[in-house]
């Protein structure tokens, strides 16, 4: 299973730092490597080095569940952000969701045939 996490909106030093914090949390919780995509610099401009998205490849289902839980935990500590989770099961928005709601979403995604759960996208929006 692959998970991509993208910040939607203007990327700045704060949002880049927040994504790096999320990458570190997921890496610790899941024991996986989290790739970071950096913002491409404008022609003639020095590279800003801002992280704009994260990529996690080849997760087992339990690790994917942990990654979603870690993302929800991260968001719960940062109420200025909303998470939208896109999968074959549908689109789910987490805006200060409680643990039961997160567990319900994970259960729905987990119940899909594995061929349908190969890619999960999480988009982060600033309120």
N, C-alpha and C. Protein backbone atom coordinates (compact mmCIF):
# COMPACT_ATOMS: atom_id res chain seq x y z
N UNK A 1 0.83 -1.16 0.00
CA UNK A 1 0.00 0.00 0.00
C UNK A 1 0.89 1.24 0.00
N UNK A 2 0.48 2.23 -0.76
CA UNK A 2 1.23 3.48 -0.85
C UNK A 2 0.37 4.61 -0.30
N UNK A 3 0.99 5.51 0.42
CA UNK A 3 0.30 6.67 0.95
C UNK A 3 1.05 7.92 0.51
N UNK A 4 0.31 8.88 -0.02
CA UNK A 4 0.91 10.17 -0.32
C UNK A 4 0.19 11.22 0.52
N UNK A 5 0.95 12.14 1.05
CA UNK A 5 0.42 13.20 1.89
C UNK A 5 0.87 14.52 1.29
N UNK A 6 -0.09 15.36 0.96
CA UNK A 6 0.21 16.61 0.27
C UNK A 6 -0.44 17.78 0.98
N UNK A 7 0.29 18.87 1.11
CA UNK A 7 -0.30 20.09 1.63
C UNK A 7 -0.89 20.85 0.46
N UNK A 8 -2.16 21.24 0.58
CA UNK A 8 -2.83 22.00 -0.47
C UNK A 8 -2.93 23.45 -0.04
N UNK A 9 -2.40 24.31 -0.83
CA UNK A 9 -2.39 25.73 -0.50
C UNK A 9 -0.97 26.24 -0.60
N UNK A 10 -0.78 27.48 -0.15
CA UNK A 10 0.53 28.10 -0.23
C UNK A 10 1.49 27.43 0.76
N UNK A 11 2.61 27.00 0.26
CA UNK A 11 3.63 26.37 1.10
C UNK A 11 4.59 27.45 1.58
N UNK A 12 4.85 27.43 2.88
CA UNK A 12 5.82 28.35 3.44
C UNK A 12 6.67 27.58 4.44
N UNK A 13 7.55 28.28 5.13
CA UNK A 13 8.45 27.62 6.07
C UNK A 13 7.68 26.89 7.17
N UNK A 14 6.57 27.47 7.65
CA UNK A 14 5.79 26.85 8.71
C UNK A 14 5.15 25.54 8.24
N UNK A 15 4.49 25.56 7.07
CA UNK A 15 3.84 24.34 6.59
C UNK A 15 4.87 23.28 6.24
N UNK A 16 6.00 23.69 5.71
CA UNK A 16 7.08 22.74 5.41
C UNK A 16 7.56 22.07 6.69
N UNK A 17 7.76 22.86 7.72
CA UNK A 17 8.20 22.33 9.01
C UNK A 17 7.16 21.38 9.60
N UNK A 18 5.89 21.71 9.45
CA UNK A 18 4.81 20.84 9.96
C UNK A 18 4.80 19.50 9.22
N UNK A 19 5.01 19.52 7.90
CA UNK A 19 5.07 18.26 7.14
C UNK A 19 6.27 17.41 7.55
N UNK A 20 7.38 18.06 7.81
CA UNK A 20 8.57 17.32 8.26
C UNK A 20 8.30 16.68 9.62
N UNK A 21 7.61 17.39 10.51
CA UNK A 21 7.22 16.84 11.81
C UNK A 21 6.33 15.61 11.62
N UNK A 22 5.37 15.70 10.70
CA UNK A 22 4.49 14.56 10.41
C UNK A 22 5.30 13.40 9.84
N UNK A 23 6.23 13.68 8.95
CA UNK A 23 7.08 12.62 8.38
C UNK A 23 7.85 11.91 9.48
N UNK A 24 8.41 12.68 10.42
CA UNK A 24 9.16 12.08 11.52
C UNK A 24 8.26 11.22 12.39
N UNK A 25 7.04 11.70 12.67
CA UNK A 25 6.09 10.94 13.49
C UNK A 25 5.73 9.62 12.83
N UNK A 26 5.40 9.66 11.55
CA UNK A 26 5.04 8.44 10.83
C UNK A 26 6.23 7.48 10.76
N UNK A 27 7.40 8.02 10.52
CA UNK A 27 8.60 7.19 10.46
C UNK A 27 8.83 6.47 11.79
N UNK A 28 8.67 7.20 12.90
CA UNK A 28 8.84 6.59 14.22
C UNK A 28 7.76 5.55 14.51
N UNK A 29 6.50 5.89 14.24
CA UNK A 29 5.38 5.02 14.58
C UNK A 29 5.33 3.76 13.72
N UNK A 30 5.69 3.90 12.44
CA UNK A 30 5.55 2.78 11.50
C UNK A 30 6.87 2.09 11.20
N UNK A 31 7.98 2.70 11.58
CA UNK A 31 9.27 2.11 11.29
C UNK A 31 9.56 2.05 9.80
N UNK A 32 9.12 3.07 9.07
CA UNK A 32 9.32 3.10 7.62
C UNK A 32 10.03 4.38 7.21
N UNK A 33 10.54 4.37 6.02
CA UNK A 33 11.16 5.55 5.44
C UNK A 33 10.07 6.40 4.77
N UNK A 34 10.10 7.68 5.04
CA UNK A 34 9.12 8.60 4.46
C UNK A 34 9.86 9.55 3.54
N UNK A 35 9.53 9.49 2.24
CA UNK A 35 10.16 10.37 1.28
C UNK A 35 9.55 11.76 1.34
N UNK A 36 10.37 12.78 1.12
CA UNK A 36 9.91 14.16 1.11
C UNK A 36 10.14 14.77 -0.26
N UNK A 37 9.08 15.32 -0.83
CA UNK A 37 9.22 16.02 -2.09
C UNK A 37 9.42 17.50 -1.78
N UNK A 38 10.46 18.05 -2.36
CA UNK A 38 10.78 19.46 -2.14
C UNK A 38 10.16 20.31 -3.24
N UNK A 39 9.86 21.55 -2.88
CA UNK A 39 9.30 22.50 -3.85
C UNK A 39 10.35 22.80 -4.91
N UNK A 40 9.91 22.79 -6.16
CA UNK A 40 10.81 23.12 -7.25
C UNK A 40 11.01 24.63 -7.29
N UNK A 41 12.26 25.07 -7.38
CA UNK A 41 12.50 26.51 -7.40
C UNK A 41 12.08 27.14 -8.73
N UNK A 42 11.70 28.39 -8.68
CA UNK A 42 11.42 29.12 -9.91
C UNK A 42 12.72 29.31 -10.67
N UNK A 43 12.63 29.42 -12.00
CA UNK A 43 13.86 29.61 -12.78
C UNK A 43 14.65 30.82 -12.27
N UNK A 44 15.93 30.61 -12.05
CA UNK A 44 16.81 31.68 -11.61
C UNK A 44 16.74 31.99 -10.13
N UNK A 45 15.93 31.21 -9.38
CA UNK A 45 15.79 31.45 -7.95
C UNK A 45 16.44 30.29 -7.19
N UNK A 46 17.12 30.64 -6.10
CA UNK A 46 17.76 29.60 -5.28
C UNK A 46 16.70 28.67 -4.71
N UNK A 47 17.01 27.39 -4.61
CA UNK A 47 16.10 26.39 -4.07
C UNK A 47 15.71 26.76 -2.64
N UNK A 48 14.40 26.80 -2.38
CA UNK A 48 13.91 27.17 -1.06
C UNK A 48 14.01 26.00 -0.09
N UNK A 49 14.05 24.78 -0.61
CA UNK A 49 14.15 23.60 0.25
C UNK A 49 12.89 23.28 1.01
N UNK A 50 11.76 23.87 0.64
CA UNK A 50 10.51 23.62 1.35
C UNK A 50 9.93 22.26 0.98
N UNK A 51 9.52 21.51 1.99
CA UNK A 51 8.86 20.22 1.78
C UNK A 51 7.40 20.49 1.44
N UNK A 52 6.90 19.91 0.33
CA UNK A 52 5.51 20.13 -0.06
C UNK A 52 4.67 18.85 -0.02
N UNK A 53 5.32 17.68 0.02
CA UNK A 53 4.55 16.45 0.12
C UNK A 53 5.43 15.33 0.67
N UNK A 54 4.73 14.28 1.13
CA UNK A 54 5.40 13.11 1.69
C UNK A 54 4.94 11.87 0.92
N UNK A 55 5.80 10.88 0.82
CA UNK A 55 5.46 9.64 0.14
C UNK A 55 5.94 8.46 0.98
N UNK A 56 5.02 7.51 1.18
CA UNK A 56 5.33 6.30 1.93
C UNK A 56 4.94 5.14 1.03
N UNK A 57 5.89 4.30 0.70
CA UNK A 57 5.62 3.20 -0.24
C UNK A 57 5.74 1.86 0.44
N UNK A 58 4.94 0.91 -0.07
CA UNK A 58 5.06 -0.48 0.33
C UNK A 58 4.66 -0.79 1.76
N UNK A 59 3.64 -0.13 2.25
CA UNK A 59 3.19 -0.39 3.62
C UNK A 59 2.28 -1.60 3.69
N UNK A 60 2.43 -2.38 4.74
CA UNK A 60 1.45 -3.41 5.04
C UNK A 60 0.21 -2.70 5.58
N UNK A 61 -0.91 -3.40 5.56
CA UNK A 61 -2.16 -2.79 5.99
C UNK A 61 -2.08 -2.25 7.41
N UNK A 62 -1.48 -2.99 8.32
CA UNK A 62 -1.39 -2.51 9.70
C UNK A 62 -0.54 -1.25 9.79
N UNK A 63 0.52 -1.16 9.01
CA UNK A 63 1.35 0.05 9.00
C UNK A 63 0.58 1.22 8.40
N UNK A 64 -0.24 0.96 7.39
CA UNK A 64 -1.05 2.02 6.80
C UNK A 64 -2.06 2.54 7.82
N UNK A 65 -2.64 1.63 8.58
CA UNK A 65 -3.57 2.05 9.64
C UNK A 65 -2.85 2.92 10.65
N UNK A 66 -1.64 2.54 11.02
CA UNK A 66 -0.85 3.31 11.97
C UNK A 66 -0.51 4.68 11.39
N UNK A 67 -0.18 4.73 10.10
CA UNK A 67 0.15 6.00 9.46
C UNK A 67 -1.05 6.94 9.47
N UNK A 68 -2.24 6.42 9.19
CA UNK A 68 -3.45 7.25 9.22
C UNK A 68 -3.71 7.73 10.64
N UNK A 69 -3.55 6.86 11.61
CA UNK A 69 -3.72 7.25 13.01
C UNK A 69 -2.71 8.32 13.42
N UNK A 70 -1.47 8.17 12.97
CA UNK A 70 -0.44 9.17 13.28
C UNK A 70 -0.79 10.51 12.64
N UNK A 71 -1.30 10.49 11.41
CA UNK A 71 -1.70 11.74 10.75
C UNK A 71 -2.84 12.41 11.50
N UNK A 72 -3.79 11.59 11.98
CA UNK A 72 -4.90 12.16 12.75
C UNK A 72 -4.40 12.73 14.06
N UNK A 73 -3.50 12.05 14.73
CA UNK A 73 -2.92 12.55 15.98
C UNK A 73 -2.22 13.88 15.72
N UNK A 74 -1.40 13.93 14.66
CA UNK A 74 -0.69 15.15 14.28
C UNK A 74 -1.69 16.29 14.08
N UNK A 75 -2.79 16.01 13.35
CA UNK A 75 -3.79 17.03 13.07
C UNK A 75 -4.50 17.47 14.36
N UNK A 76 -4.73 16.55 15.28
CA UNK A 76 -5.43 16.91 16.52
C UNK A 76 -4.63 17.92 17.34
N UNK A 77 -3.32 17.92 17.18
CA UNK A 77 -2.46 18.87 17.87
C UNK A 77 -2.32 20.18 17.10
N UNK A 78 -2.86 20.21 15.88
CA UNK A 78 -2.77 21.38 15.01
C UNK A 78 -4.15 21.67 14.44
N UNK A 79 -5.05 22.25 15.24
CA UNK A 79 -6.44 22.43 14.81
C UNK A 79 -6.62 23.38 13.63
N UNK A 80 -5.55 24.03 13.20
CA UNK A 80 -5.66 24.91 12.04
C UNK A 80 -5.67 24.14 10.72
N UNK A 81 -5.46 22.81 10.81
CA UNK A 81 -5.44 21.99 9.60
C UNK A 81 -6.60 21.01 9.57
N UNK A 82 -7.01 20.65 8.37
CA UNK A 82 -8.04 19.63 8.12
C UNK A 82 -7.40 18.57 7.23
N UNK A 83 -7.68 17.30 7.49
CA UNK A 83 -7.19 16.21 6.67
C UNK A 83 -8.32 15.64 5.84
N UNK A 84 -8.09 15.39 4.57
CA UNK A 84 -9.01 14.65 3.72
C UNK A 84 -8.30 13.40 3.26
N UNK A 85 -8.94 12.24 3.49
CA UNK A 85 -8.36 10.95 3.11
C UNK A 85 -9.13 10.43 1.90
N UNK A 86 -8.41 10.15 0.83
CA UNK A 86 -9.00 9.65 -0.41
C UNK A 86 -8.59 8.20 -0.60
N UNK A 87 -9.58 7.33 -0.76
CA UNK A 87 -9.31 5.93 -1.06
C UNK A 87 -10.44 5.42 -1.94
N UNK A 88 -10.34 4.17 -2.35
CA UNK A 88 -11.42 3.57 -3.14
C UNK A 88 -12.72 3.52 -2.35
N UNK A 89 -12.64 3.56 -1.04
CA UNK A 89 -13.84 3.51 -0.19
C UNK A 89 -14.56 4.85 -0.13
N UNK A 90 -13.90 5.90 -0.57
CA UNK A 90 -14.52 7.22 -0.56
C UNK A 90 -13.57 8.27 -0.04
N UNK A 91 -14.14 9.43 0.26
CA UNK A 91 -13.38 10.56 0.78
C UNK A 91 -13.86 10.80 2.20
N UNK A 92 -12.92 10.94 3.11
CA UNK A 92 -13.23 11.16 4.52
C UNK A 92 -12.47 12.39 4.99
N UNK A 93 -13.17 13.28 5.67
CA UNK A 93 -12.56 14.49 6.18
C UNK A 93 -12.43 14.39 7.69
N UNK A 94 -11.23 14.67 8.16
CA UNK A 94 -10.96 14.66 9.59
C UNK A 94 -10.69 16.10 10.03
N UNK A 95 -11.64 16.64 10.75
CA UNK A 95 -11.51 17.98 11.30
C UNK A 95 -11.83 17.86 12.79
N UNK A 96 -10.79 17.67 13.59
CA UNK A 96 -10.97 17.43 15.02
C UNK A 96 -11.82 16.20 15.28
N UNK A 97 -11.62 15.16 14.47
CA UNK A 97 -12.38 13.91 14.63
C UNK A 97 -11.94 13.19 15.90
N UNK A 98 -12.87 12.48 16.48
CA UNK A 98 -12.52 11.70 17.67
C UNK A 98 -11.95 10.34 17.25
N UNK A 99 -11.43 9.63 18.20
CA UNK A 99 -10.78 8.34 17.94
C UNK A 99 -11.74 7.34 17.30
N UNK A 100 -13.00 7.34 17.71
CA UNK A 100 -13.98 6.41 17.15
C UNK A 100 -14.20 6.65 15.66
N UNK A 101 -14.23 7.92 15.26
CA UNK A 101 -14.42 8.24 13.85
C UNK A 101 -13.21 7.78 13.03
N UNK A 102 -12.03 7.99 13.56
CA UNK A 102 -10.81 7.55 12.86
C UNK A 102 -10.81 6.03 12.74
N UNK A 103 -11.16 5.33 13.81
CA UNK A 103 -11.22 3.87 13.78
C UNK A 103 -12.24 3.38 12.75
N UNK A 104 -13.38 4.08 12.65
CA UNK A 104 -14.41 3.71 11.68
C UNK A 104 -13.88 3.84 10.25
N UNK A 105 -13.19 4.93 9.96
CA UNK A 105 -12.63 5.15 8.62
C UNK A 105 -11.58 4.10 8.31
N UNK A 106 -10.70 3.81 9.26
CA UNK A 106 -9.67 2.79 9.04
C UNK A 106 -10.32 1.43 8.79
N UNK A 107 -11.37 1.11 9.52
CA UNK A 107 -12.06 -0.17 9.33
C UNK A 107 -12.65 -0.27 7.92
N UNK A 108 -13.25 0.82 7.43
CA UNK A 108 -13.82 0.83 6.08
C UNK A 108 -12.72 0.60 5.04
N UNK A 109 -11.62 1.33 5.17
CA UNK A 109 -10.52 1.20 4.22
C UNK A 109 -9.93 -0.21 4.30
N UNK A 110 -9.81 -0.74 5.50
CA UNK A 110 -9.23 -2.08 5.70
C UNK A 110 -10.09 -3.19 5.14
N UNK A 111 -11.39 -2.94 5.04
CA UNK A 111 -12.30 -4.00 4.56
C UNK A 111 -12.32 -4.12 3.04
N UNK A 112 -11.70 -3.19 2.34
CA UNK A 112 -11.64 -3.27 0.88
C UNK A 112 -10.70 -4.39 0.44
N UNK A 113 -10.98 -4.97 -0.72
CA UNK A 113 -10.01 -5.93 -1.26
C UNK A 113 -8.65 -5.25 -1.42
N UNK A 114 -7.59 -5.98 -1.18
CA UNK A 114 -6.26 -5.37 -1.21
C UNK A 114 -5.95 -4.67 -2.53
N UNK A 115 -6.48 -5.17 -3.63
CA UNK A 115 -6.22 -4.52 -4.92
C UNK A 115 -6.80 -3.12 -4.97
N UNK A 116 -7.82 -2.84 -4.13
CA UNK A 116 -8.43 -1.52 -4.12
C UNK A 116 -7.77 -0.57 -3.13
N UNK A 117 -6.89 -1.06 -2.32
CA UNK A 117 -6.31 -0.21 -1.29
C UNK A 117 -4.82 0.07 -1.53
N UNK A 118 -4.42 0.00 -2.76
CA UNK A 118 -3.01 0.18 -3.05
C UNK A 118 -2.54 1.62 -2.87
N UNK A 119 -3.43 2.58 -3.08
CA UNK A 119 -3.03 3.98 -2.97
C UNK A 119 -4.02 4.75 -2.12
N UNK A 120 -3.50 5.43 -1.13
CA UNK A 120 -4.31 6.30 -0.30
C UNK A 120 -3.65 7.69 -0.37
N UNK A 121 -4.48 8.69 -0.58
CA UNK A 121 -3.98 10.06 -0.62
C UNK A 121 -4.55 10.81 0.57
N UNK A 122 -3.71 11.53 1.24
CA UNK A 122 -4.14 12.41 2.33
C UNK A 122 -3.76 13.83 1.94
N UNK A 123 -4.74 14.70 1.91
CA UNK A 123 -4.50 16.10 1.61
C UNK A 123 -4.70 16.91 2.88
N UNK A 124 -3.81 17.85 3.11
CA UNK A 124 -3.87 18.70 4.28
C UNK A 124 -4.23 20.11 3.82
N UNK A 125 -5.25 20.67 4.45
CA UNK A 125 -5.69 22.02 4.13
C UNK A 125 -5.61 22.87 5.38
N UNK A 126 -5.28 24.13 5.21
CA UNK A 126 -5.35 25.08 6.31
C UNK A 126 -6.77 25.64 6.34
N UNK A 127 -7.35 25.69 7.54
CA UNK A 127 -8.72 26.22 7.69
C UNK A 127 -8.76 27.69 7.34
